[in-house]
Amino acid sequence: MTLSALTLITPLPFPLELKDGARLTAVGDAVGYFTRLSDEQQEAHYWKLAIWMFNTAVNEPTYLRTATMCLQTALLMDQLLADPHTVADR
């Protein structure tokens, strides 16, 4: 499968639900989230990896799923990801 170039409206392979009720559903949502990271978060390895993977996906769109998984991991590490059971109950 060949993916075309990513844009800010390219959907993520799966949405990410946050504890604050926000949803990340597109590449632009992830990029916007990255711009709001605190200095401490920006220094954390797992955030650096998530950002690096999204930068990689821009040039190689087949990496978008992996980039989204890295973002999911970073959100989980900072306890920002919603509990999947809570999301399912909505």
N, C-alpha and C. Protein backbone atom coordinates (compact mmCIF):
# COMPACT_ATOMS: atom_id res chain seq x y z
N MET A 1 0.84 -1.18 0.00
CA MET A 1 0.00 0.00 0.00
C MET A 1 0.88 1.24 0.00
N THR A 2 0.59 2.17 -0.87
CA THR A 2 1.33 3.42 -0.94
C THR A 2 0.44 4.55 -0.44
N LEU A 3 0.96 5.30 0.50
CA LEU A 3 0.23 6.45 1.01
C LEU A 3 0.78 7.71 0.36
N SER A 4 -0.11 8.66 0.10
CA SER A 4 0.35 9.93 -0.44
C SER A 4 0.92 10.76 0.71
N ALA A 5 1.43 11.91 0.38
CA ALA A 5 2.05 12.78 1.38
C ALA A 5 1.05 13.12 2.49
N LEU A 6 1.59 13.26 3.68
CA LEU A 6 0.75 13.63 4.82
C LEU A 6 0.45 15.12 4.80
N THR A 7 -0.73 15.46 5.25
CA THR A 7 -1.11 16.86 5.45
C THR A 7 -1.65 16.97 6.88
N LEU A 8 -1.93 18.18 7.30
CA LEU A 8 -2.46 18.38 8.64
C LEU A 8 -3.82 17.73 8.84
N ILE A 9 -4.55 17.49 7.75
CA ILE A 9 -5.86 16.87 7.88
C ILE A 9 -5.83 15.36 7.66
N THR A 10 -4.64 14.80 7.42
CA THR A 10 -4.54 13.35 7.27
C THR A 10 -4.99 12.69 8.58
N PRO A 11 -5.94 11.77 8.51
CA PRO A 11 -6.39 11.11 9.75
C PRO A 11 -5.30 10.22 10.34
N LEU A 12 -5.25 10.19 11.66
CA LEU A 12 -4.38 9.23 12.34
C LEU A 12 -4.97 7.84 12.12
N PRO A 13 -4.15 6.79 12.16
CA PRO A 13 -4.68 5.44 11.96
C PRO A 13 -5.73 5.04 13.01
N PHE A 14 -5.65 5.64 14.18
CA PHE A 14 -6.66 5.44 15.23
C PHE A 14 -6.66 6.69 16.09
N PRO A 15 -7.84 7.09 16.59
CA PRO A 15 -7.91 8.31 17.41
C PRO A 15 -7.32 8.06 18.80
N LEU A 16 -6.84 9.12 19.39
CA LEU A 16 -6.31 9.07 20.75
C LEU A 16 -7.17 9.95 21.64
N GLU A 17 -7.77 9.34 22.64
CA GLU A 17 -8.64 10.05 23.59
C GLU A 17 -7.82 10.45 24.81
N LEU A 18 -7.90 11.70 25.19
CA LEU A 18 -7.15 12.20 26.34
C LEU A 18 -8.06 12.31 27.56
N LYS A 19 -7.45 12.31 28.74
CA LYS A 19 -8.20 12.41 29.99
C LYS A 19 -9.02 13.69 30.07
N ASP A 20 -8.54 14.76 29.45
CA ASP A 20 -9.26 16.03 29.52
C ASP A 20 -10.43 16.11 28.54
N GLY A 21 -10.70 15.00 27.83
CA GLY A 21 -11.81 14.94 26.89
C GLY A 21 -11.43 15.28 25.46
N ALA A 22 -10.21 15.77 25.25
CA ALA A 22 -9.75 16.10 23.90
C ALA A 22 -9.53 14.81 23.11
N ARG A 23 -9.62 14.92 21.80
CA ARG A 23 -9.37 13.80 20.89
C ARG A 23 -8.35 14.22 19.85
N LEU A 24 -7.35 13.40 19.65
CA LEU A 24 -6.39 13.62 18.57
C LEU A 24 -6.78 12.67 17.45
N THR A 25 -7.20 13.23 16.33
CA THR A 25 -7.70 12.40 15.23
C THR A 25 -6.98 12.61 13.91
N ALA A 26 -6.17 13.66 13.83
CA ALA A 26 -5.48 13.97 12.58
C ALA A 26 -4.04 14.39 12.87
N VAL A 27 -3.23 14.37 11.84
CA VAL A 27 -1.82 14.76 11.99
C VAL A 27 -1.72 16.16 12.58
N GLY A 28 -2.59 17.07 12.15
CA GLY A 28 -2.57 18.44 12.68
C GLY A 28 -2.84 18.50 14.17
N ASP A 29 -3.69 17.60 14.66
CA ASP A 29 -3.95 17.54 16.11
C ASP A 29 -2.67 17.17 16.85
N ALA A 30 -1.94 16.20 16.32
CA ALA A 30 -0.69 15.77 16.95
C ALA A 30 0.34 16.89 16.91
N VAL A 31 0.47 17.54 15.77
CA VAL A 31 1.42 18.64 15.64
C VAL A 31 1.08 19.76 16.63
N GLY A 32 -0.20 20.11 16.71
CA GLY A 32 -0.62 21.12 17.66
C GLY A 32 -0.32 20.72 19.09
N TYR A 33 -0.50 19.45 19.40
CA TYR A 33 -0.21 18.97 20.75
C TYR A 33 1.28 19.10 21.05
N PHE A 34 2.11 18.74 20.08
CA PHE A 34 3.56 18.83 20.26
C PHE A 34 3.98 20.28 20.57
N THR A 35 3.33 21.24 19.95
CA THR A 35 3.73 22.64 20.16
C THR A 35 3.38 23.14 21.56
N ARG A 36 2.48 22.42 22.25
CA ARG A 36 2.07 22.83 23.59
C ARG A 36 2.78 22.05 24.70
N LEU A 37 3.75 21.24 24.36
CA LEU A 37 4.47 20.48 25.38
C LEU A 37 5.29 21.41 26.26
N SER A 38 5.35 21.08 27.53
CA SER A 38 6.18 21.86 28.46
C SER A 38 7.66 21.60 28.15
N ASP A 39 8.52 22.43 28.71
CA ASP A 39 9.96 22.22 28.53
C ASP A 39 10.38 20.85 29.06
N GLU A 40 9.81 20.46 30.19
CA GLU A 40 10.14 19.16 30.78
C GLU A 40 9.71 18.02 29.86
N GLN A 41 8.53 18.12 29.30
CA GLN A 41 8.07 17.09 28.37
C GLN A 41 8.96 17.04 27.13
N GLN A 42 9.33 18.18 26.62
CA GLN A 42 10.17 18.22 25.42
C GLN A 42 11.50 17.52 25.64
N GLU A 43 11.96 17.45 26.87
CA GLU A 43 13.23 16.79 27.17
C GLU A 43 13.08 15.29 27.41
N ALA A 44 11.86 14.82 27.62
CA ALA A 44 11.65 13.40 27.88
C ALA A 44 11.88 12.59 26.59
N HIS A 45 12.60 11.50 26.73
CA HIS A 45 12.96 10.68 25.57
C HIS A 45 11.73 10.22 24.79
N TYR A 46 10.68 9.82 25.50
CA TYR A 46 9.51 9.29 24.80
C TYR A 46 8.80 10.36 23.98
N TRP A 47 8.85 11.63 24.41
CA TRP A 47 8.29 12.69 23.59
C TRP A 47 9.19 12.99 22.40
N LYS A 48 10.50 12.98 22.63
CA LYS A 48 11.43 13.18 21.52
C LYS A 48 11.22 12.12 20.45
N LEU A 49 11.02 10.88 20.88
CA LEU A 49 10.80 9.79 19.94
C LEU A 49 9.49 9.99 19.16
N ALA A 50 8.43 10.37 19.85
CA ALA A 50 7.14 10.59 19.18
C ALA A 50 7.27 11.69 18.12
N ILE A 51 7.92 12.78 18.48
CA ILE A 51 8.10 13.89 17.53
C ILE A 51 8.96 13.43 16.35
N TRP A 52 10.03 12.72 16.64
CA TRP A 52 10.92 12.24 15.58
C TRP A 52 10.16 11.31 14.62
N MET A 53 9.31 10.45 15.17
CA MET A 53 8.56 9.52 14.31
C MET A 53 7.56 10.27 13.43
N PHE A 54 6.93 11.31 13.96
CA PHE A 54 6.03 12.10 13.11
C PHE A 54 6.82 12.82 12.02
N ASN A 55 7.99 13.33 12.36
CA ASN A 55 8.83 13.95 11.33
C ASN A 55 9.23 12.93 10.27
N THR A 56 9.51 11.71 10.69
CA THR A 56 9.84 10.64 9.74
C THR A 56 8.64 10.32 8.86
N ALA A 57 7.46 10.28 9.45
CA ALA A 57 6.25 9.95 8.70
C ALA A 57 5.94 10.98 7.62
N VAL A 58 6.34 12.22 7.85
CA VAL A 58 6.13 13.26 6.83
C VAL A 58 6.82 12.86 5.53
N ASN A 59 8.02 12.29 5.64
CA ASN A 59 8.77 11.87 4.45
C ASN A 59 8.45 10.44 4.02
N GLU A 60 7.95 9.65 4.94
CA GLU A 60 7.62 8.25 4.64
C GLU A 60 6.30 7.93 5.32
N PRO A 61 5.18 8.22 4.65
CA PRO A 61 3.86 8.09 5.27
C PRO A 61 3.53 6.70 5.82
N THR A 62 4.22 5.67 5.36
CA THR A 62 3.93 4.34 5.90
C THR A 62 4.29 4.24 7.38
N TYR A 63 5.03 5.22 7.91
CA TYR A 63 5.39 5.23 9.33
C TYR A 63 4.34 5.92 10.20
N LEU A 64 3.23 6.36 9.63
CA LEU A 64 2.24 7.08 10.41
C LEU A 64 1.67 6.23 11.54
N ARG A 65 1.41 4.96 11.30
CA ARG A 65 0.89 4.09 12.36
C ARG A 65 1.91 4.00 13.51
N THR A 66 3.18 3.80 13.18
CA THR A 66 4.21 3.71 14.21
C THR A 66 4.34 5.04 14.96
N ALA A 67 4.26 6.15 14.23
CA ALA A 67 4.34 7.47 14.86
C ALA A 67 3.17 7.66 15.83
N THR A 68 1.99 7.23 15.44
CA THR A 68 0.82 7.35 16.29
C THR A 68 0.97 6.48 17.54
N MET A 69 1.54 5.31 17.37
CA MET A 69 1.79 4.43 18.53
C MET A 69 2.80 5.07 19.48
N CYS A 70 3.80 5.76 18.94
CA CYS A 70 4.78 6.45 19.79
C CYS A 70 4.11 7.60 20.54
N LEU A 71 3.22 8.32 19.88
CA LEU A 71 2.47 9.38 20.54
C LEU A 71 1.59 8.80 21.64
N GLN A 72 0.94 7.70 21.36
CA GLN A 72 0.11 7.03 22.36
C GLN A 72 0.94 6.64 23.58
N THR A 73 2.13 6.13 23.33
CA THR A 73 3.03 5.75 24.43
C THR A 73 3.43 6.96 25.26
N ALA A 74 3.79 8.06 24.60
CA ALA A 74 4.19 9.27 25.32
C ALA A 74 3.04 9.78 26.18
N LEU A 75 1.84 9.78 25.62
CA LEU A 75 0.67 10.21 26.38
C LEU A 75 0.44 9.30 27.59
N LEU A 76 0.62 8.03 27.38
CA LEU A 76 0.46 7.06 28.47
C LEU A 76 1.52 7.25 29.55
N MET A 77 2.76 7.50 29.14
CA MET A 77 3.85 7.71 30.10
C MET A 77 3.58 8.92 31.00
N ASP A 78 2.95 9.94 30.44
CA ASP A 78 2.63 11.14 31.22
C ASP A 78 1.22 11.07 31.82
N GLN A 79 0.60 9.89 31.75
CA GLN A 79 -0.73 9.65 32.31
C GLN A 79 -1.76 10.63 31.77
N LEU A 80 -1.69 10.89 30.46
CA LEU A 80 -2.60 11.81 29.81
C LEU A 80 -3.64 11.10 28.95
N LEU A 81 -3.42 9.83 28.68
CA LEU A 81 -4.31 9.04 27.84
C LEU A 81 -5.52 8.60 28.66
N ALA A 82 -6.70 8.73 28.07
CA ALA A 82 -7.92 8.33 28.76
C ALA A 82 -7.94 6.82 28.96
N ASP A 83 -8.58 6.39 30.02
CA ASP A 83 -8.78 4.97 30.28
C ASP A 83 -9.69 4.43 29.18
N PRO A 84 -9.28 3.38 28.47
CA PRO A 84 -10.11 2.86 27.36
C PRO A 84 -11.51 2.43 27.82
N HIS A 85 -11.66 2.02 29.06
CA HIS A 85 -12.97 1.61 29.56
C HIS A 85 -13.89 2.82 29.71
N THR A 86 -13.32 3.94 30.12
CA THR A 86 -14.09 5.17 30.25
C THR A 86 -14.54 5.65 28.88
N VAL A 87 -13.65 5.58 27.89
CA VAL A 87 -13.97 6.02 26.52
C VAL A 87 -15.06 5.14 25.95
N ALA A 88 -15.00 3.84 26.20
CA ALA A 88 -15.99 2.90 25.66
C ALA A 88 -17.38 3.17 26.25
N ASP A 89 -17.43 3.72 27.45
CA ASP A 89 -18.70 3.98 28.11
C ASP A 89 -19.40 5.23 27.59
N ARG A 90 -18.70 6.05 26.81
CA ARG A 90 -19.30 7.30 26.30
C ARG A 90 -20.33 7.02 25.24
